[in-house]
């Protein structure tokens, strides 16, 4: 097992899930890989619609959009993923959980997400929320995964925009994350093409004049370092980067590992991005620091415990974060089953990132 780096991450709610499977329908099997959107006092109209008359906390709310699966989907090889919505206080006390998904897979067998809408990340730009998710479709020749987009003004009603336009879906692709707001007049999208062996899977960067594309891929930004304990290691984008000002952003990402012995292990990592250093020819120059394994799977909700499981999964998979006081709160999927939460002091995390002398990039 790969161990944590020692930064002061605290699991919230005693390490218990903030969302777990429930009922007999669309979210009875898995509820995981969540996006997070912080709404403040200036978003009172949206908050009122989300809470429908329920008392709203003075400091605002956090909307969690999460991947959900039933125990099975009749007529499909695997349970189809939808995207659900729940509303929490900033300290992650549940206020409302919606009974129906806000995004369902299409019923068109030729559609981009017929077999599932997976792993949402949500970015706010102006008055519009943009969701980037993985559209999954199975074909006789194999599974097809594409970076897909949807947009909303209220987080409740979403318009699907289909696969992201441009060259980024010329290969299987997922883990798309849209940067908040234009940077130097351009919009940027992190994504993770699946080309070659797993150890070749790298985080890449695309650029566009619009949040909806067309996207032009610039190339590799970040790859996983090799570990003696691992047969393969790979990375993928995680949370929507948080602006620190002056073109600098703090984000979480994941590293997946196929250990030589034992389970697959996914860890949560942190990265400091500096777009003042961006050039289309060398996109990896934006990586100003990385910190591996700020959180590793350790609890029963993060580790597969079934004896004899042929492919055990130990997994923490961050997809959403927000600033709360002096802490960075983040929500993550636990072993492809639960939604959990943790926090870390932002100043401590940035100090450790600034100490990174040789970030792993390019």
Foldseek 3Di string as FASTA:
>chain_A
DDAFPPFDKFFPPNFDFLDFADDQDAANFFKFQKAKDWDAPVPVVLVCVVQVPDDADNGGKMKIKTWGFGCADPPDPGTAIAIWIWIAHPSSDTRGGDPDGLGGADCDLPAQANRYWHNWYWEDEPQKIKIWTWRWHADPVGIAIATWIWMDRRVRHIGTPGGQAADPRVARKGQKAWAYYDDPQKTKIWIWGDDDDQQPTAIWMWIANDPRDPTDTLDGAFFDDDDPQFPHKGKHFAHHWDDPDQQKTKGKIWMWTHGPDDAIWIAIKIWIFHCVQDDSNCRNSRTQFIGPRNDTQDDPQQWDDDPPDPHTYRYWGWHYWDDDVQKIKTWTGHRRHGITIMIGGPVSNVVVRNPGPDHGTD
